[in-house]
Amino acid sequence: MDHKDLVQYARSLFDAHGDKAEAEAAQKAAAAREAGMTDDAEKWDKIRFHIKELRGPRAT
């Protein structure tokens, strides 16, 4: 999955799940790591990063 695809997937996940999208990506990354699928875990970590960027800074 190239950078453009990761960003597009992050946008779709964020649009569908809002603030819960980041947690979902983190759970997917953890599950992939547990299953020994390090490449998939890294992809989910990158997706999570892009979701954080889309969400922007949190208001306090």
N, C-alpha and C. Protein backbone atom coordinates (compact mmCIF):
# COMPACT_ATOMS: atom_id res chain seq x y z
N MET A 1 0.86 -1.17 0.00
CA MET A 1 0.00 0.00 0.00
C MET A 1 0.90 1.23 0.00
N ASP A 2 0.73 2.09 -0.98
CA ASP A 2 1.58 3.27 -1.04
C ASP A 2 0.99 4.40 -0.18
N HIS A 3 1.76 5.47 -0.08
CA HIS A 3 1.39 6.59 0.79
C HIS A 3 0.00 7.14 0.47
N LYS A 4 -0.27 7.32 -0.82
CA LYS A 4 -1.55 7.86 -1.25
C LYS A 4 -2.71 6.96 -0.79
N ASP A 5 -2.53 5.66 -0.90
CA ASP A 5 -3.57 4.72 -0.47
C ASP A 5 -3.78 4.76 1.04
N LEU A 6 -2.69 4.88 1.78
CA LEU A 6 -2.79 4.96 3.24
C LEU A 6 -3.57 6.20 3.67
N VAL A 7 -3.27 7.33 3.04
CA VAL A 7 -3.96 8.57 3.37
C VAL A 7 -5.44 8.47 3.01
N GLN A 8 -5.72 7.90 1.85
CA GLN A 8 -7.11 7.75 1.42
C GLN A 8 -7.88 6.81 2.37
N TYR A 9 -7.24 5.73 2.78
CA TYR A 9 -7.89 4.80 3.70
C TYR A 9 -8.13 5.47 5.05
N ALA A 10 -7.16 6.23 5.52
CA ALA A 10 -7.31 6.96 6.79
C ALA A 10 -8.48 7.93 6.71
N ARG A 11 -8.60 8.64 5.60
CA ARG A 11 -9.70 9.59 5.40
C ARG A 11 -11.05 8.86 5.43
N SER A 12 -11.13 7.74 4.75
CA SER A 12 -12.39 6.97 4.73
C SER A 12 -12.75 6.47 6.12
N LEU A 13 -11.77 5.97 6.84
CA LEU A 13 -12.01 5.47 8.19
C LEU A 13 -12.44 6.61 9.11
N PHE A 14 -11.78 7.76 8.99
CA PHE A 14 -12.12 8.91 9.82
C PHE A 14 -13.53 9.42 9.49
N ASP A 15 -13.85 9.47 8.20
CA ASP A 15 -15.19 9.92 7.80
C ASP A 15 -16.27 8.99 8.33
N ALA A 16 -15.98 7.71 8.35
CA ALA A 16 -16.97 6.71 8.78
C ALA A 16 -17.10 6.63 10.30
N HIS A 17 -15.97 6.80 11.02
CA HIS A 17 -15.98 6.54 12.46
C HIS A 17 -15.65 7.74 13.33
N GLY A 18 -15.29 8.86 12.72
CA GLY A 18 -14.99 10.05 13.51
C GLY A 18 -13.84 9.83 14.47
N ASP A 19 -14.00 10.32 15.69
CA ASP A 19 -12.93 10.22 16.69
C ASP A 19 -12.60 8.79 17.09
N LYS A 20 -13.47 7.85 16.81
CA LYS A 20 -13.21 6.45 17.15
C LYS A 20 -12.28 5.78 16.15
N ALA A 21 -12.05 6.41 15.02
CA ALA A 21 -11.22 5.82 13.96
C ALA A 21 -9.79 5.57 14.43
N GLU A 22 -9.24 6.49 15.19
CA GLU A 22 -7.86 6.32 15.66
C GLU A 22 -7.75 5.11 16.58
N ALA A 23 -8.71 4.95 17.46
CA ALA A 23 -8.70 3.79 18.37
C ALA A 23 -8.86 2.49 17.58
N GLU A 24 -9.68 2.52 16.57
CA GLU A 24 -9.87 1.32 15.75
C GLU A 24 -8.57 0.94 15.04
N ALA A 25 -7.88 1.93 14.50
CA ALA A 25 -6.60 1.66 13.83
C ALA A 25 -5.58 1.12 14.82
N ALA A 26 -5.57 1.64 16.04
CA ALA A 26 -4.64 1.16 17.07
C ALA A 26 -4.95 -0.29 17.42
N GLN A 27 -6.22 -0.63 17.53
CA GLN A 27 -6.61 -2.01 17.83
C GLN A 27 -6.20 -2.95 16.71
N LYS A 28 -6.39 -2.52 15.46
CA LYS A 28 -5.99 -3.34 14.31
C LYS A 28 -4.47 -3.56 14.31
N ALA A 29 -3.72 -2.52 14.63
CA ALA A 29 -2.26 -2.64 14.68
C ALA A 29 -1.84 -3.63 15.77
N ALA A 30 -2.46 -3.53 16.94
CA ALA A 30 -2.13 -4.43 18.04
C ALA A 30 -2.47 -5.88 17.69
N ALA A 31 -3.61 -6.08 17.08
CA ALA A 31 -4.02 -7.44 16.69
C ALA A 31 -3.06 -8.01 15.65
N ALA A 32 -2.64 -7.20 14.71
CA ALA A 32 -1.70 -7.65 13.69
C ALA A 32 -0.36 -8.02 14.33
N ARG A 33 0.09 -7.20 15.30
CA ARG A 33 1.35 -7.51 15.99
C ARG A 33 1.25 -8.82 16.75
N GLU A 34 0.13 -9.02 17.44
CA GLU A 34 -0.07 -10.27 18.19
C GLU A 34 -0.04 -11.48 17.27
N ALA A 35 -0.54 -11.31 16.06
CA ALA A 35 -0.59 -12.41 15.09
C ALA A 35 0.74 -12.55 14.34
N GLY A 36 1.71 -11.71 14.67
CA GLY A 36 3.02 -11.78 14.03
C GLY A 36 3.05 -11.16 12.64
N MET A 37 2.06 -10.36 12.33
CA MET A 37 1.96 -9.72 11.02
C MET A 37 2.50 -8.30 11.11
N THR A 38 3.82 -8.20 11.18
CA THR A 38 4.44 -6.90 11.43
C THR A 38 4.21 -5.90 10.30
N ASP A 39 4.18 -6.38 9.06
CA ASP A 39 3.93 -5.46 7.94
C ASP A 39 2.55 -4.83 8.05
N ASP A 40 1.55 -5.64 8.38
CA ASP A 40 0.19 -5.12 8.56
C ASP A 40 0.13 -4.16 9.74
N ALA A 41 0.82 -4.51 10.82
CA ALA A 41 0.84 -3.63 11.99
C ALA A 41 1.42 -2.26 11.63
N GLU A 42 2.49 -2.26 10.85
CA GLU A 42 3.11 -0.99 10.44
C GLU A 42 2.15 -0.17 9.57
N LYS A 43 1.41 -0.84 8.69
CA LYS A 43 0.43 -0.13 7.87
C LYS A 43 -0.63 0.52 8.74
N TRP A 44 -1.13 -0.21 9.73
CA TRP A 44 -2.15 0.35 10.63
C TRP A 44 -1.59 1.49 11.46
N ASP A 45 -0.32 1.39 11.86
CA ASP A 45 0.31 2.51 12.58
C ASP A 45 0.36 3.76 11.71
N LYS A 46 0.68 3.59 10.43
CA LYS A 46 0.73 4.73 9.51
C LYS A 46 -0.67 5.30 9.29
N ILE A 47 -1.66 4.44 9.17
CA ILE A 47 -3.04 4.89 9.01
C ILE A 47 -3.45 5.68 10.25
N ARG A 48 -3.09 5.17 11.43
CA ARG A 48 -3.40 5.87 12.68
C ARG A 48 -2.76 7.26 12.69
N PHE A 49 -1.52 7.35 12.26
CA PHE A 49 -0.83 8.64 12.20
C PHE A 49 -1.59 9.63 11.31
N HIS A 50 -2.02 9.15 10.16
CA HIS A 50 -2.75 10.03 9.23
C HIS A 50 -4.11 10.43 9.80
N ILE A 51 -4.74 9.55 10.53
CA ILE A 51 -6.01 9.90 11.19
C ILE A 51 -5.76 11.00 12.21
N LYS A 52 -4.66 10.90 12.96
CA LYS A 52 -4.32 11.95 13.93
C LYS A 52 -4.16 13.29 13.22
N GLU A 53 -3.52 13.28 12.07
CA GLU A 53 -3.34 14.52 11.31
C GLU A 53 -4.69 15.07 10.85
N LEU A 54 -5.57 14.21 10.40
CA LEU A 54 -6.89 14.64 9.94
C LEU A 54 -7.70 15.24 11.09
N ARG A 55 -7.59 14.64 12.25
CA ARG A 55 -8.33 15.09 13.41
C ARG A 55 -7.87 16.45 13.88
N GLY A 56 -6.58 16.71 13.74
CA GLY A 56 -6.02 18.00 14.16
C GLY A 56 -5.85 18.06 15.66
N PRO A 57 -5.40 19.21 16.15
CA PRO A 57 -5.20 19.35 17.59
C PRO A 57 -6.52 19.29 18.34
N ARG A 58 -6.45 18.67 19.47
CA ARG A 58 -7.67 18.57 20.32
C ARG A 58 -7.86 19.84 21.11
N ALA A 59 -9.10 20.21 21.24
CA ALA A 59 -9.42 21.38 22.06
C ALA A 59 -9.33 21.01 23.52
N THR A 60 -8.88 21.95 24.35
CA THR A 60 -8.80 21.67 25.80
C THR A 60 -9.81 22.47 26.53
